[in-house]
Amino acid sequence: MSGFPLPPGSDLTVAIAAWSTLAAASMAVVLFVYTLALRRRTIVSVARRRAVVARWREIFAAATLSATEARACRLPRYARNERTDLLEEWNRAREAVQGDAVANLIVIGERLGLNELAAVLISRHKLSNRLVGIQTLGHLRDRSEWPELLAFIDHANTALSVTAARALVDIDAQEAAPLVMEHVVARVDWPPATVSRLLEAIGTDLVTQPLCNAILTSDVQTAVRLLKYAGLARTETIDL
């Protein structure tokens, strides 16, 4: 029985189809292997980060309880890719304590050279690195980068400017207060909740007079916005 004649070039068509199928299958295998490798890398990275955080959390917790421990405890070496995790964990510890524990954490932060790491980070292009660097300098009460922090407070990026303002206040509230108050008046992009925390950190004694002056001398729209923070002022002490 005679078969149907194949159209011209059918062998080539079949070959192309076969190679296309093989290529697609190969690509699927490659993507599958890549996905598995990426997942494994992620799992390893998460596990490494957890180990780093746990190690430093234990060290910082011990340091908060003892000045001797902060000054003399053995500090492990840290790899280049662990620096950001170290800074973030130290900042978390620093924000959670008060009193003598603050001084202890600053001691251990200085021993670790966190001020140098922070100074490097604030020059990076990545926003998260800059924010961590600025926050660290403030928590360390390190004046060495004061001019750079002054430049950041005028930055168009809201997060950078308000984080720099808080760092300046943490370093020297009295010196920073007039500059920060000027920006509280001018920067409508600063979130009210963040501004409230910032003014609380400056303290009522330093906030009252400039805040009341700003409310009395600003345009109506600005004055209404600033009235949100009037509760942070001690109005009976102002000079009119």
C-alpha atoms as a PDB file:
ATOM      1  CA  MET A   1       0.000   0.000   0.000  1.00  0.00           C
ATOM      2  CA  SER A   2       1.423   3.233  -1.075  1.00  0.00           C
ATOM      3  CA  GLY A   3       1.725   5.992   1.534  1.00  0.00           C
ATOM      4  CA  PHE A   4       0.945   9.597   1.143  1.00  0.00           C
ATOM      5  CA  PRO A   5       3.816  11.535  -0.360  1.00  0.00           C
ATOM      6  CA  LEU A   6       5.660  13.779   2.166  1.00  0.00           C
ATOM      7  CA  PRO A   7       5.682  17.418   1.300  1.00  0.00           C
ATOM      8  CA  PRO A   8       8.994  18.887   0.188  1.00  0.00           C
ATOM      9  CA  GLY A   9      11.336  19.720   3.066  1.00  0.00           C
ATOM     10  CA  SER A  10       9.384  17.590   5.580  1.00  0.00           C
ATOM     11  CA  ASP A  11      12.571  15.912   6.894  1.00  0.00           C
ATOM     12  CA  LEU A  12      14.029  19.332   7.686  1.00  0.00           C
ATOM     13  CA  THR A  13      10.791  20.380   9.405  1.00  0.00           C
ATOM     14  CA  VAL A  14      10.794  17.274  11.569  1.00  0.00           C
ATOM     15  CA  ALA A  15      14.438  17.823  12.482  1.00  0.00           C
ATOM     16  CA  ILE A  16      13.847  21.441  13.428  1.00  0.00           C
ATOM     17  CA  ALA A  17      10.848  20.446  15.539  1.00  0.00           C
ATOM     18  CA  ALA A  18      12.866  17.728  17.259  1.00  0.00           C
ATOM     19  CA  TRP A  19      15.746  20.078  18.034  1.00  0.00           C
ATOM     20  CA  SER A  20      13.340  22.730  19.289  1.00  0.00           C
ATOM     21  CA  THR A  21      11.738  20.202  21.626  1.00  0.00           C
ATOM     22  CA  LEU A  22      15.141  19.074  22.860  1.00  0.00           C
ATOM     23  CA  ALA A  23      16.265  22.671  23.395  1.00  0.00           C
ATOM     24  CA  ALA A  24      13.104  23.476  25.342  1.00  0.00           C
ATOM     25  CA  ALA A  25      13.548  20.370  27.498  1.00  0.00           C
ATOM     26  CA  SER A  26      17.185  21.251  28.132  1.00  0.00           C
ATOM     27  CA  MET A  27      16.246  24.800  29.093  1.00  0.00           C
ATOM     28  CA  ALA A  28      13.616  23.480  31.500  1.00  0.00           C
ATOM     29  CA  VAL A  29      16.230  21.236  33.143  1.00  0.00           C
ATOM     30  CA  VAL A  30      18.688  24.152  33.400  1.00  0.00           C
ATOM     31  CA  LEU A  31      16.044  26.406  34.966  1.00  0.00           C
ATOM     32  CA  PHE A  32      15.076  23.656  37.404  1.00  0.00           C
ATOM     33  CA  VAL A  33      18.683  23.122  38.484  1.00  0.00           C
ATOM     34  CA  TYR A  34      19.215  26.892  38.767  1.00  0.00           C
ATOM     35  CA  THR A  35      16.085  27.250  40.907  1.00  0.00           C
ATOM     36  CA  LEU A  36      17.282  24.481  43.219  1.00  0.00           C
ATOM     37  CA  ALA A  37      20.724  26.086  43.497  1.00  0.00           C
ATOM     38  CA  LEU A  38      19.201  29.497  44.204  1.00  0.00           C
ATOM     39  CA  ARG A  39      16.923  28.036  46.860  1.00  0.00           C
ATOM     40  CA  ARG A  40      19.829  26.251  48.500  1.00  0.00           C
ATOM     41  CA  ARG A  41      21.870  29.445  48.451  1.00  0.00           C
ATOM     42  CA  THR A  42      18.994  31.335  50.075  1.00  0.00           C
ATOM     43  CA  ILE A  43      18.608  28.695  52.789  1.00  0.00           C
ATOM     44  CA  VAL A  44      22.346  28.770  53.502  1.00  0.00           C
ATOM     45  CA  SER A  45      22.330  32.591  53.577  1.00  0.00           C
ATOM     46  CA  VAL A  46      19.392  32.715  56.003  1.00  0.00           C
ATOM     47  CA  ALA A  47      21.020  30.118  58.247  1.00  0.00           C
ATOM     48  CA  ARG A  48      24.302  32.061  58.212  1.00  0.00           C
ATOM     49  CA  ARG A  49      22.546  35.301  59.077  1.00  0.00           C
ATOM     50  CA  ARG A  50      20.668  33.681  61.951  1.00  0.00           C
ATOM     51  CA  ALA A  51      23.929  32.299  63.327  1.00  0.00           C
ATOM     52  CA  VAL A  52      25.612  35.715  63.068  1.00  0.00           C
ATOM     53  CA  VAL A  53      22.709  37.492  64.754  1.00  0.00           C
ATOM     54  CA  ALA A  54      22.498  34.901  67.540  1.00  0.00           C
ATOM     55  CA  ARG A  55      26.233  35.163  68.243  1.00  0.00           C
ATOM     56  CA  TRP A  56      26.250  38.948  68.490  1.00  0.00           C
ATOM     57  CA  ARG A  57      22.953  39.114  70.355  1.00  0.00           C
ATOM     58  CA  GLU A  58      24.456  37.004  73.133  1.00  0.00           C
ATOM     59  CA  ILE A  59      27.583  39.191  73.290  1.00  0.00           C
ATOM     60  CA  PHE A  60      25.621  42.452  73.335  1.00  0.00           C
ATOM     61  CA  ALA A  61      23.204  41.152  75.970  1.00  0.00           C
ATOM     62  CA  ALA A  62      26.111  40.286  78.268  1.00  0.00           C
ATOM     63  CA  ALA A  63      27.730  43.678  77.649  1.00  0.00           C
ATOM     64  CA  THR A  64      24.589  45.594  78.617  1.00  0.00           C
ATOM     65  CA  LEU A  65      24.690  43.977  82.058  1.00  0.00           C
ATOM     66  CA  SER A  66      28.345  44.575  82.839  1.00  0.00           C
ATOM     67  CA  ALA A  67      30.774  47.393  82.090  1.00  0.00           C
ATOM     68  CA  THR A  68      33.630  44.962  82.691  1.00  0.00           C
ATOM     69  CA  GLU A  69      32.194  42.577  80.133  1.00  0.00           C
ATOM     70  CA  ALA A  70      31.824  45.420  77.625  1.00  0.00           C
ATOM     71  CA  ARG A  71      35.454  46.476  78.098  1.00  0.00           C
ATOM     72  CA  ALA A  72      37.117  43.078  78.287  1.00  0.00           C
ATOM     73  CA  CYS A  73      34.994  40.381  76.652  1.00  0.00           C
ATOM     74  CA  ARG A  74      36.469  38.444  73.761  1.00  0.00           C
ATOM     75  CA  LEU A  75      35.133  39.714  70.458  1.00  0.00           C
ATOM     76  CA  PRO A  76      35.014  37.259  67.562  1.00  0.00           C
ATOM     77  CA  ARG A  77      36.198  38.227  64.118  1.00  0.00           C
ATOM     78  CA  TYR A  78      33.540  39.001  61.570  1.00  0.00           C
ATOM     79  CA  ALA A  79      33.616  38.499  57.807  1.00  0.00           C
ATOM     80  CA  ARG A  80      33.088  41.284  55.303  1.00  0.00           C
ATOM     81  CA  ASN A  81      29.649  39.955  54.383  1.00  0.00           C
ATOM     82  CA  GLU A  82      28.611  39.979  58.058  1.00  0.00           C
ATOM     83  CA  ARG A  83      29.182  43.686  58.645  1.00  0.00           C
ATOM     84  CA  THR A  84      25.662  44.873  57.880  1.00  0.00           C
ATOM     85  CA  ASP A  85      24.121  42.160  60.065  1.00  0.00           C
ATOM     86  CA  LEU A  86      26.481  43.152  62.871  1.00  0.00           C
ATOM     87  CA  LEU A  87      25.563  46.833  62.611  1.00  0.00           C
ATOM     88  CA  GLU A  88      21.848  46.121  62.447  1.00  0.00           C
ATOM     89  CA  GLU A  89      21.966  43.853  65.499  1.00  0.00           C
ATOM     90  CA  TRP A  90      24.035  46.354  67.473  1.00  0.00           C
ATOM     91  CA  ASN A  91      21.556  49.120  66.596  1.00  0.00           C
ATOM     92  CA  ARG A  92      18.651  46.940  67.718  1.00  0.00           C
ATOM     93  CA  ALA A  93      20.382  46.317  71.030  1.00  0.00           C
ATOM     94  CA  ARG A  94      21.231  49.996  71.393  1.00  0.00           C
ATOM     95  CA  GLU A  95      17.613  51.078  70.875  1.00  0.00           C
ATOM     96  CA  ALA A  96      16.360  48.597  73.467  1.00  0.00           C
ATOM     97  CA  VAL A  97      18.383  49.860  76.450  1.00  0.00           C
ATOM     98  CA  GLN A  98      18.803  52.926  78.635  1.00  0.00           C
ATOM     99  CA  GLY A  99      21.138  54.215  81.304  1.00  0.00           C
ATOM    100  CA  ASP A 100      24.471  52.498  81.921  1.00  0.00           C
ATOM    101  CA  ALA A 101      23.683  49.831  79.344  1.00  0.00           C
ATOM    102  CA  VAL A 102      23.887  52.499  76.623  1.00  0.00           C
ATOM    103  CA  ALA A 103      27.430  53.401  77.638  1.00  0.00           C
ATOM    104  CA  ASN A 104      28.374  49.721  77.720  1.00  0.00           C
ATOM    105  CA  LEU A 105      27.116  49.163  74.188  1.00  0.00           C
ATOM    106  CA  ILE A 106      28.944  52.247  72.965  1.00  0.00           C
ATOM    107  CA  VAL A 107      32.160  50.851  74.480  1.00  0.00           C
ATOM    108  CA  ILE A 108      31.749  47.541  72.717  1.00  0.00           C
ATOM    109  CA  GLY A 109      30.737  49.322  69.512  1.00  0.00           C
ATOM    110  CA  GLU A 110      33.950  51.351  69.606  1.00  0.00           C
ATOM    111  CA  ARG A 111      35.979  48.195  70.235  1.00  0.00           C
ATOM    112  CA  LEU A 112      34.408  46.643  67.140  1.00  0.00           C
ATOM    113  CA  GLY A 113      35.211  49.697  65.033  1.00  0.00           C
ATOM    114  CA  LEU A 114      31.569  50.268  64.172  1.00  0.00           C
ATOM    115  CA  ASN A 115      32.195  53.984  63.656  1.00  0.00           C
ATOM    116  CA  GLU A 116      34.602  53.162  60.825  1.00  0.00           C
ATOM    117  CA  LEU A 117      32.150  50.715  59.273  1.00  0.00           C
ATOM    118  CA  ALA A 118      29.376  53.296  59.531  1.00  0.00           C
ATOM    119  CA  ALA A 119      31.525  55.983  57.919  1.00  0.00           C
ATOM    120  CA  VAL A 120      32.089  53.669  54.961  1.00  0.00           C
ATOM    121  CA  LEU A 121      28.407  52.841  54.622  1.00  0.00           C
ATOM    122  CA  ILE A 122      27.196  56.449  54.509  1.00  0.00           C
ATOM    123  CA  SER A 123      29.268  56.962  51.360  1.00  0.00           C
ATOM    124  CA  ARG A 124      27.613  54.043  49.559  1.00  0.00           C
ATOM    125  CA  HIS A 125      24.886  54.468  46.952  1.00  0.00           C
ATOM    126  CA  LYS A 126      22.525  51.882  48.418  1.00  0.00           C
ATOM    127  CA  LEU A 127      19.892  53.595  50.562  1.00  0.00           C
ATOM    128  CA  SER A 128      19.697  50.848  53.202  1.00  0.00           C
ATOM    129  CA  ASN A 129      23.471  51.011  53.748  1.00  0.00           C
ATOM    130  CA  ARG A 130      23.361  54.765  54.221  1.00  0.00           C
ATOM    131  CA  LEU A 131      20.502  54.536  56.691  1.00  0.00           C
ATOM    132  CA  VAL A 132      22.263  51.893  58.788  1.00  0.00           C
ATOM    133  CA  GLY A 133      25.477  53.926  58.731  1.00  0.00           C
ATOM    134  CA  ILE A 134      23.749  57.150  59.802  1.00  0.00           C
ATOM    135  CA  GLN A 135      21.807  55.410  62.548  1.00  0.00           C
ATOM    136  CA  THR A 136      24.968  53.764  63.872  1.00  0.00           C
ATOM    137  CA  LEU A 137      26.860  57.060  64.077  1.00  0.00           C
ATOM    138  CA  GLY A 138      24.008  58.563  66.063  1.00  0.00           C
ATOM    139  CA  HIS A 139      23.786  55.628  68.436  1.00  0.00           C
ATOM    140  CA  LEU A 140      27.547  55.738  68.954  1.00  0.00           C
ATOM    141  CA  ARG A 141      27.314  59.488  69.688  1.00  0.00           C
ATOM    142  CA  ASP A 142      30.216  59.857  67.281  1.00  0.00           C
ATOM    143  CA  ARG A 143      30.940  63.452  66.226  1.00  0.00           C
ATOM    144  CA  SER A 144      33.587  62.518  63.663  1.00  0.00           C
ATOM    145  CA  GLU A 145      31.069  62.526  60.790  1.00  0.00           C
ATOM    146  CA  TRP A 146      29.068  65.560  61.977  1.00  0.00           C
ATOM    147  CA  PRO A 147      29.581  67.552  58.717  1.00  0.00           C
ATOM    148  CA  GLU A 148      28.390  64.585  56.648  1.00  0.00           C
ATOM    149  CA  LEU A 149      25.300  64.220  58.828  1.00  0.00           C
ATOM    150  CA  LEU A 150      24.584  67.930  58.413  1.00  0.00           C
ATOM    151  CA  ALA A 151      24.627  67.410  54.653  1.00  0.00           C
ATOM    152  CA  PHE A 152      22.241  64.466  54.912  1.00  0.00           C
ATOM    153  CA  ILE A 153      19.649  66.437  56.870  1.00  0.00           C
ATOM    154  CA  ASP A 154      19.135  68.555  53.731  1.00  0.00           C
ATOM    155  CA  HIS A 155      18.845  65.507  51.468  1.00  0.00           C
ATOM    156  CA  ALA A 156      15.750  65.304  49.285  1.00  0.00           C
ATOM    157  CA  ASN A 157      15.157  61.719  50.430  1.00  0.00           C
ATOM    158  CA  THR A 158      12.845  61.834  53.448  1.00  0.00           C
ATOM    159  CA  ALA A 159      14.267  58.758  55.172  1.00  0.00           C
ATOM    160  CA  LEU A 160      17.845  59.980  54.877  1.00  0.00           C
ATOM    161  CA  SER A 161      17.069  63.494  56.091  1.00  0.00           C
ATOM    162  CA  VAL A 162      15.008  62.519  59.123  1.00  0.00           C
ATOM    163  CA  THR A 163      17.420  59.711  60.096  1.00  0.00           C
ATOM    164  CA  ALA A 164      20.294  62.193  59.938  1.00  0.00           C
ATOM    165  CA  ALA A 165      18.302  64.602  62.106  1.00  0.00           C
ATOM    166  CA  ARG A 166      17.812  61.910  64.739  1.00  0.00           C
ATOM    167  CA  ALA A 167      21.496  60.997  64.601  1.00  0.00           C
ATOM    168  CA  LEU A 168      22.493  64.627  65.202  1.00  0.00           C
ATOM    169  CA  VAL A 169      20.131  64.796  68.173  1.00  0.00           C
ATOM    170  CA  ASP A 170      21.540  61.569  69.605  1.00  0.00           C
ATOM    171  CA  ILE A 171      25.070  62.946  69.316  1.00  0.00           C
ATOM    172  CA  ASP A 172      24.402  66.423  70.737  1.00  0.00           C
ATOM    173  CA  ALA A 173      20.791  67.436  71.303  1.00  0.00           C
ATOM    174  CA  GLN A 174      21.600  70.979  72.387  1.00  0.00           C
ATOM    175  CA  GLU A 175      23.659  71.780  69.305  1.00  0.00           C
ATOM    176  CA  ALA A 176      21.324  69.983  66.949  1.00  0.00           C
ATOM    177  CA  ALA A 177      18.051  71.406  68.304  1.00  0.00           C
ATOM    178  CA  PRO A 178      17.977  74.762  66.431  1.00  0.00           C
ATOM    179  CA  LEU A 179      18.846  73.144  63.104  1.00  0.00           C
ATOM    180  CA  VAL A 180      16.382  70.317  63.557  1.00  0.00           C
ATOM    181  CA  MET A 181      13.605  72.744  64.520  1.00  0.00           C
ATOM    182  CA  GLU A 182      14.220  74.714  61.315  1.00  0.00           C
ATOM    183  CA  HIS A 183      13.730  71.514  59.342  1.00  0.00           C
ATOM    184  CA  VAL A 184      10.653  70.501  61.333  1.00  0.00           C
ATOM    185  CA  VAL A 185       9.105  73.770  60.169  1.00  0.00           C
ATOM    186  CA  ALA A 186      10.280  73.498  56.573  1.00  0.00           C
ATOM    187  CA  ARG A 187      10.114  69.762  55.820  1.00  0.00           C
ATOM    188  CA  VAL A 188       6.455  68.957  55.224  1.00  0.00           C
ATOM    189  CA  ASP A 189       7.537  65.496  54.047  1.00  0.00           C
ATOM    190  CA  TRP A 190       8.729  64.410  57.507  1.00  0.00           C
ATOM    191  CA  PRO A 191       6.099  62.028  58.966  1.00  0.00           C
ATOM    192  CA  PRO A 192       4.325  63.518  62.025  1.00  0.00           C
ATOM    193  CA  ALA A 193       4.905  60.424  64.173  1.00  0.00           C
ATOM    194  CA  THR A 194       8.618  60.544  63.374  1.00  0.00           C
ATOM    195  CA  VAL A 195       8.757  64.272  64.142  1.00  0.00           C
ATOM    196  CA  SER A 196       7.066  63.683  67.509  1.00  0.00           C
ATOM    197  CA  ARG A 197       9.663  61.090  68.465  1.00  0.00           C
ATOM    198  CA  LEU A 198      12.400  63.433  67.291  1.00  0.00           C
ATOM    199  CA  LEU A 199      11.122  66.333  69.403  1.00  0.00           C
ATOM    200  CA  GLU A 200      10.748  64.042  72.408  1.00  0.00           C
ATOM    201  CA  ALA A 201      14.374  63.005  71.978  1.00  0.00           C
ATOM    202  CA  ILE A 202      15.464  66.652  71.905  1.00  0.00           C
ATOM    203  CA  GLY A 203      13.568  67.294  75.133  1.00  0.00           C
ATOM    204  CA  THR A 204      10.959  69.761  76.303  1.00  0.00           C
ATOM    205  CA  ASP A 205      13.451  72.352  77.568  1.00  0.00           C
ATOM    206  CA  LEU A 206      15.055  72.717  74.128  1.00  0.00           C
ATOM    207  CA  VAL A 207      11.866  72.338  72.098  1.00  0.00           C
ATOM    208  CA  THR A 208       9.414  74.650  73.845  1.00  0.00           C
ATOM    209  CA  GLN A 209      10.626  78.123  72.869  1.00  0.00           C
ATOM    210  CA  PRO A 210      11.543  77.494  69.204  1.00  0.00           C
ATOM    211  CA  LEU A 211       8.381  75.460  68.610  1.00  0.00           C
ATOM    212  CA  CYS A 212       6.114  78.145  70.059  1.00  0.00           C
ATOM    213  CA  ASN A 213       7.973  80.840  68.134  1.00  0.00           C
ATOM    214  CA  ALA A 214       7.485  78.886  64.920  1.00  0.00           C
ATOM    215  CA  ILE A 215       3.764  78.430  65.584  1.00  0.00           C
ATOM    216  CA  LEU A 216       3.306  82.159  66.231  1.00  0.00           C
ATOM    217  CA  THR A 217       5.334  83.402  63.250  1.00  0.00           C
ATOM    218  CA  SER A 218       4.543  80.868  60.517  1.00  0.00           C
ATOM    219  CA  ASP A 219       1.814  81.055  57.917  1.00  0.00           C
ATOM    220  CA  VAL A 220      -1.544  79.562  58.847  1.00  0.00           C
ATOM    221  CA  GLN A 221      -1.003  76.225  57.099  1.00  0.00           C
ATOM    222  CA  THR A 222       2.385  75.686  58.737  1.00  0.00           C
ATOM    223  CA  ALA A 223       1.129  76.820  62.131  1.00  0.00           C
ATOM    224  CA  VAL A 224      -1.736  74.328  61.995  1.00  0.00           C
ATOM    225  CA  ARG A 225       0.718  71.556  61.149  1.00  0.00           C
ATOM    226  CA  LEU A 226       3.034  72.528  64.008  1.00  0.00           C
ATOM    227  CA  LEU A 227       0.190  72.681  66.517  1.00  0.00           C
ATOM    228  CA  LYS A 228       0.180  68.862  66.412  1.00  0.00           C
ATOM    229  CA  TYR A 229       3.370  69.004  68.482  1.00  0.00           C
ATOM    230  CA  ALA A 230       2.276  71.661  70.974  1.00  0.00           C
ATOM    231  CA  GLY A 231       1.710  68.998  73.602  1.00  0.00           C
ATOM    232  CA  LEU A 232       5.475  68.455  73.680  1.00  0.00           C
ATOM    233  CA  ALA A 233       6.067  72.059  74.781  1.00  0.00           C
ATOM    234  CA  ARG A 234       5.927  73.541  78.272  1.00  0.00           C
ATOM    235  CA  THR A 235       3.923  76.614  77.349  1.00  0.00           C
ATOM    236  CA  GLU A 236       4.120  78.249  80.791  1.00  0.00           C
ATOM    237  CA  THR A 237       7.863  78.801  80.274  1.00  0.00           C
ATOM    238  CA  ILE A 238       7.790  80.587  76.914  1.00  0.00           C
ATOM    239  CA  ASP A 239       8.837  84.194  76.387  1.00  0.00           C
ATOM    240  CA  LEU A 240       6.383  86.108  74.189  1.00  0.00           C
END
